[in-house]
Amino acid sequence: MRIITCLALAVLAACGSRAPARPVTVYAAASLRETVTQVAEEWSKRSGRPHRVQFESTSTLARQILEGAPADVFISAAPEWLDKVKTLERFDWLSNRLVCVVAKDDQDFDLKNLESLAMADEQVPAGKYARQALAKEGVAIPARTIYGHNVRDVLSKISQGGARVGIVYATDAWLDPNVRVAYTFPPDRHEKILYSAGLLTSEGKALYETLKEAWAIEAAKNLGFAELK
């Protein structure tokens, strides 16, 4: 009887000490850092479940996922990158604008005569959009051009004086008081900027669905993103 009692107590103890739920992992484009962080933190408060977020260029994140990185949700800055990974579900979430930024006190911006430029690498969605926009404007990429591995890297190069002009998203420009928007490219100068979310595992379903909720969309709009109609 004593042995049976001890076994019963051991089972009860094991049931009462369940391992904590593993974090839901979100991989998201660097330009979404503030928005996704805010939404994920609020989701954790409401659900009681932990989360983990990782931000980098969309192309880098896609490669990491293909190499086996344990992501549950992937939010890209261009929908074609979701085609490269296996998704259970997907939807287009937000949009943005492409802009040229210069140092706050620089008043001599001339798109047709770029002395130096910073933009994202061609594998990065922002870099792809930038090349399309410059081509449509009839502007050649200057000899003195430096490339960033994501839009935040490009923004820092302008803020720190590494180049005269940088091409980033409008939402990134708002974050740095040391730069100003000198020019906003018309939407028809490049493919429509789409942030697309993909569900990679069933573990990420609840957080993935949260992105569609009105309060999450409103949080993104408050940070300058455009709602898709």
Protein backbone atom coordinates (compact mmCIF):
# COMPACT_ATOMS: atom_id res chain seq x y z
CA MET A 1 0.00 0.00 0.00
CA ARG A 2 2.84 2.36 0.85
CA ILE A 3 4.44 1.78 -2.55
CA ILE A 4 1.15 2.47 -4.34
CA THR A 5 0.67 5.68 -2.35
CA CYS A 6 4.17 6.90 -3.22
CA LEU A 7 3.59 6.18 -6.90
CA ALA A 8 0.29 8.07 -6.83
CA LEU A 9 1.95 11.08 -5.19
CA ALA A 10 4.71 11.01 -7.80
CA VAL A 11 2.18 11.04 -10.63
CA LEU A 12 0.30 13.94 -9.06
CA ALA A 13 3.52 15.88 -8.61
CA ALA A 14 4.46 15.31 -12.23
CA CYS A 15 1.05 16.50 -13.41
CA GLY A 16 1.32 19.62 -11.29
CA SER A 17 4.72 20.57 -12.65
CA ARG A 18 4.14 20.63 -16.38
CA ALA A 19 6.90 22.08 -18.50
CA PRO A 20 6.19 25.71 -19.47
CA ALA A 21 4.85 26.30 -22.98
CA ARG A 22 7.59 26.97 -25.48
CA PRO A 23 7.69 30.47 -26.96
CA VAL A 24 5.91 31.10 -30.24
CA THR A 25 8.66 32.31 -32.57
CA VAL A 26 8.05 35.06 -35.11
CA TYR A 27 10.54 35.96 -37.84
CA ALA A 28 9.77 39.40 -39.28
CA ALA A 29 11.29 41.93 -41.66
CA ALA A 30 13.55 44.49 -39.95
CA SER A 31 11.22 47.38 -40.81
CA LEU A 32 8.49 45.75 -38.70
CA ARG A 33 10.50 45.73 -35.48
CA GLU A 34 8.38 48.19 -33.47
CA THR A 35 5.03 47.00 -34.84
CA VAL A 36 5.56 43.27 -34.42
CA THR A 37 7.19 43.75 -31.01
CA GLN A 38 4.15 45.71 -29.82
CA VAL A 39 1.62 43.22 -31.20
CA ALA A 40 3.51 40.18 -29.91
CA GLU A 41 3.90 41.65 -26.42
CA GLU A 42 0.20 42.47 -26.24
CA TRP A 43 -0.66 38.98 -27.49
CA SER A 44 1.46 37.45 -24.74
CA LYS A 45 -0.29 39.58 -22.11
CA ARG A 46 -3.71 38.51 -23.36
CA SER A 47 -2.93 34.83 -23.92
CA GLY A 48 -0.43 34.18 -21.16
CA ARG A 49 1.84 32.47 -23.69
CA PRO A 50 5.48 33.46 -24.25
CA HIS A 51 6.85 34.60 -27.59
CA ARG A 52 10.17 35.23 -29.27
CA VAL A 53 10.81 37.60 -32.18
CA GLN A 54 13.70 37.87 -34.58
CA PHE A 55 14.20 40.70 -37.07
CA GLU A 56 16.42 40.83 -40.14
CA SER A 57 16.10 41.34 -43.85
CA THR A 58 13.36 39.19 -45.38
CA SER A 59 15.86 37.37 -47.59
CA THR A 60 18.09 36.47 -44.64
CA LEU A 61 15.16 35.20 -42.58
CA ALA A 62 13.87 33.09 -45.48
CA ARG A 63 17.27 31.46 -45.86
CA GLN A 64 17.41 30.73 -42.13
CA ILE A 65 13.97 29.11 -42.25
CA LEU A 66 14.98 26.99 -45.24
CA GLU A 67 18.02 25.88 -43.27
CA GLY A 68 15.80 24.68 -40.42
CA ALA A 69 15.39 27.68 -38.11
CA PRO A 70 12.44 27.00 -35.75
CA ALA A 71 10.06 29.79 -36.79
CA ASP A 72 6.29 29.50 -36.30
CA VAL A 73 5.27 32.69 -38.15
CA PHE A 74 7.17 34.48 -40.92
CA ILE A 75 6.28 38.06 -41.90
CA SER A 76 8.06 39.16 -45.06
CA ALA A 77 8.43 42.54 -46.75
CA ALA A 78 7.69 41.00 -50.16
CA PRO A 79 5.21 38.17 -50.78
CA GLU A 80 7.45 36.19 -53.13
CA TRP A 81 9.67 35.21 -50.21
CA LEU A 82 6.77 33.27 -48.71
CA ASP A 83 6.76 31.20 -51.90
CA LYS A 84 10.20 29.92 -50.95
CA VAL A 85 9.15 28.46 -47.58
CA LYS A 86 6.43 25.97 -46.71
CA THR A 87 3.39 27.77 -45.27
CA LEU A 88 0.17 26.33 -43.87
CA GLU A 89 -1.65 29.63 -44.48
CA ARG A 90 -0.74 33.12 -45.63
CA PHE A 91 -2.22 36.58 -46.14
CA ASP A 92 -1.12 40.09 -47.14
CA TRP A 93 -1.04 42.25 -44.01
CA LEU A 94 0.20 45.84 -44.53
CA SER A 95 1.74 48.26 -47.01
CA ASN A 96 4.28 51.08 -46.87
CA ARG A 97 5.84 53.91 -48.93
CA LEU A 98 9.37 54.20 -50.30
CA VAL A 99 11.25 57.43 -49.55
CA CYS A 100 14.59 59.16 -49.88
CA VAL A 101 16.08 60.40 -46.62
CA VAL A 102 18.88 62.87 -46.02
CA ALA A 103 20.48 64.42 -42.95
CA LYS A 104 18.10 66.71 -41.09
CA ASP A 105 19.96 69.89 -42.07
CA ASP A 106 20.63 68.91 -45.70
CA GLN A 107 18.51 71.20 -47.91
CA ASP A 108 20.16 70.49 -51.25
CA PHE A 109 18.57 67.20 -52.25
CA ASP A 110 18.44 66.54 -55.99
CA LEU A 111 17.27 63.10 -57.06
CA LYS A 112 18.67 63.57 -60.56
CA ASN A 113 22.16 64.32 -59.25
CA LEU A 114 22.97 61.87 -56.50
CA GLU A 115 26.51 62.25 -55.18
CA SER A 116 26.33 59.25 -52.88
CA LEU A 117 23.63 56.78 -52.03
CA ALA A 118 22.81 54.11 -49.47
CA MET A 119 20.25 51.43 -50.20
CA ALA A 120 19.55 47.84 -49.33
CA ASP A 121 21.20 44.97 -51.12
CA GLU A 122 19.36 43.70 -54.19
CA GLN A 123 18.26 40.52 -52.39
CA VAL A 124 16.43 42.62 -49.79
CA PRO A 125 12.87 43.71 -50.74
CA ALA A 126 13.64 47.38 -50.00
CA GLY A 127 16.63 47.14 -52.31
CA LYS A 128 14.48 45.61 -55.05
CA TYR A 129 11.88 48.37 -54.73
CA ALA A 130 14.62 51.04 -54.70
CA ARG A 131 16.13 49.78 -57.96
CA GLN A 132 12.72 49.70 -59.62
CA ALA A 133 11.95 53.25 -58.46
CA LEU A 134 15.27 54.69 -59.59
CA ALA A 135 14.90 53.05 -63.00
CA LYS A 136 11.40 54.46 -63.44
CA GLU A 137 12.69 57.92 -62.44
CA GLY A 138 15.53 57.61 -64.97
CA VAL A 139 18.16 57.91 -62.23
CA ALA A 140 21.41 55.97 -62.47
CA ILE A 141 22.84 54.39 -59.34
CA PRO A 142 25.89 56.55 -58.48
CA ALA A 143 29.40 55.13 -58.36
CA ARG A 144 29.60 55.92 -54.67
CA THR A 145 26.85 53.63 -53.38
CA ILE A 146 26.95 51.63 -50.18
CA TYR A 147 24.65 48.73 -49.49
CA GLY A 148 22.94 47.77 -46.25
CA HIS A 149 21.84 44.29 -45.25
CA ASN A 150 18.42 45.69 -44.25
CA VAL A 151 16.60 49.05 -44.22
CA ARG A 152 17.60 49.88 -40.66
CA ASP A 153 21.22 49.44 -41.66
CA VAL A 154 20.65 51.85 -44.57
CA LEU A 155 19.00 54.37 -42.24
CA SER A 156 21.97 54.28 -39.87
CA LYS A 157 24.38 54.99 -42.71
CA ILE A 158 22.58 58.27 -43.43
CA SER A 159 22.26 59.19 -39.78
CA GLN A 160 26.00 58.61 -39.30
CA GLY A 161 27.05 60.45 -42.46
CA GLY A 162 28.12 57.45 -44.52
CA ALA A 163 26.14 58.61 -47.57
CA ARG A 164 24.24 61.72 -48.65
CA VAL A 165 20.95 60.03 -49.57
CA GLY A 166 19.33 56.79 -48.44
CA ILE A 167 16.30 54.89 -49.73
CA VAL A 168 14.17 53.36 -46.98
CA TYR A 169 10.54 52.87 -46.04
CA ALA A 170 8.59 55.86 -44.74
CA THR A 171 8.02 54.10 -41.41
CA ASP A 172 11.78 53.78 -40.87
CA ALA A 173 12.40 57.46 -41.59
CA TRP A 174 10.07 58.47 -38.77
CA LEU A 175 12.23 56.69 -36.23
CA ASP A 176 15.39 58.75 -36.59
CA PRO A 177 15.31 62.45 -35.58
CA ASN A 178 18.61 63.01 -37.38
CA VAL A 179 17.14 62.49 -40.85
CA ARG A 180 14.29 63.95 -42.87
CA VAL A 181 12.27 62.70 -45.82
CA ALA A 182 13.43 64.57 -48.92
CA TYR A 183 11.32 62.71 -51.47
CA THR A 184 8.53 60.15 -51.53
CA PHE A 185 8.41 57.92 -54.58
CA PRO A 186 4.99 57.73 -56.24
CA PRO A 187 3.49 54.24 -55.78
CA ASP A 188 3.61 53.52 -59.51
CA ARG A 189 7.41 53.72 -59.52
CA HIS A 190 7.76 50.23 -58.05
CA GLU A 191 5.81 47.09 -57.24
CA LYS A 192 3.29 47.51 -54.45
CA ILE A 193 5.00 47.11 -51.09
CA LEU A 194 3.31 44.23 -49.30
CA TYR A 195 4.07 42.76 -45.91
CA SER A 196 2.80 39.20 -46.05
CA ALA A 197 2.41 36.85 -43.09
CA GLY A 198 2.86 33.10 -43.35
CA LEU A 199 1.91 30.47 -40.79
CA LEU A 200 4.67 27.86 -40.64
CA THR A 201 3.48 25.64 -37.77
CA SER A 202 0.23 25.05 -35.92
CA GLU A 203 1.91 26.40 -32.76
CA GLY A 204 1.88 29.87 -34.28
CA LYS A 205 -1.81 29.86 -35.25
CA ALA A 206 -3.13 32.05 -32.41
CA LEU A 207 -0.51 34.78 -32.84
CA TYR A 208 -0.85 34.61 -36.63
CA GLU A 209 -4.61 35.17 -36.37
CA THR A 210 -4.01 38.08 -33.97
CA LEU A 211 -2.29 40.01 -36.78
CA LYS A 212 -5.70 40.25 -38.50
CA GLU A 213 -7.47 41.77 -35.50
CA ALA A 214 -8.53 45.42 -35.60
CA TRP A 215 -6.37 46.46 -32.65
CA ALA A 216 -3.24 44.97 -34.29
CA ILE A 217 -3.96 46.75 -37.57
CA GLU A 218 -4.53 50.00 -35.68
CA ALA A 219 -1.22 49.61 -33.84
CA ALA A 220 0.54 49.24 -37.18
CA LYS A 221 -1.24 52.27 -38.64
CA ASN A 222 -0.21 54.34 -35.63
CA LEU A 223 3.39 53.57 -36.57
CA GLY A 224 2.87 54.73 -40.16
CA PHE A 225 1.98 51.53 -42.01
CA ALA A 226 -0.91 51.51 -44.46
CA GLU A 227 -3.88 49.19 -44.10
CA LEU A 228 -4.70 47.10 -47.14
CA LYS A 229 -8.14 47.74 -48.59
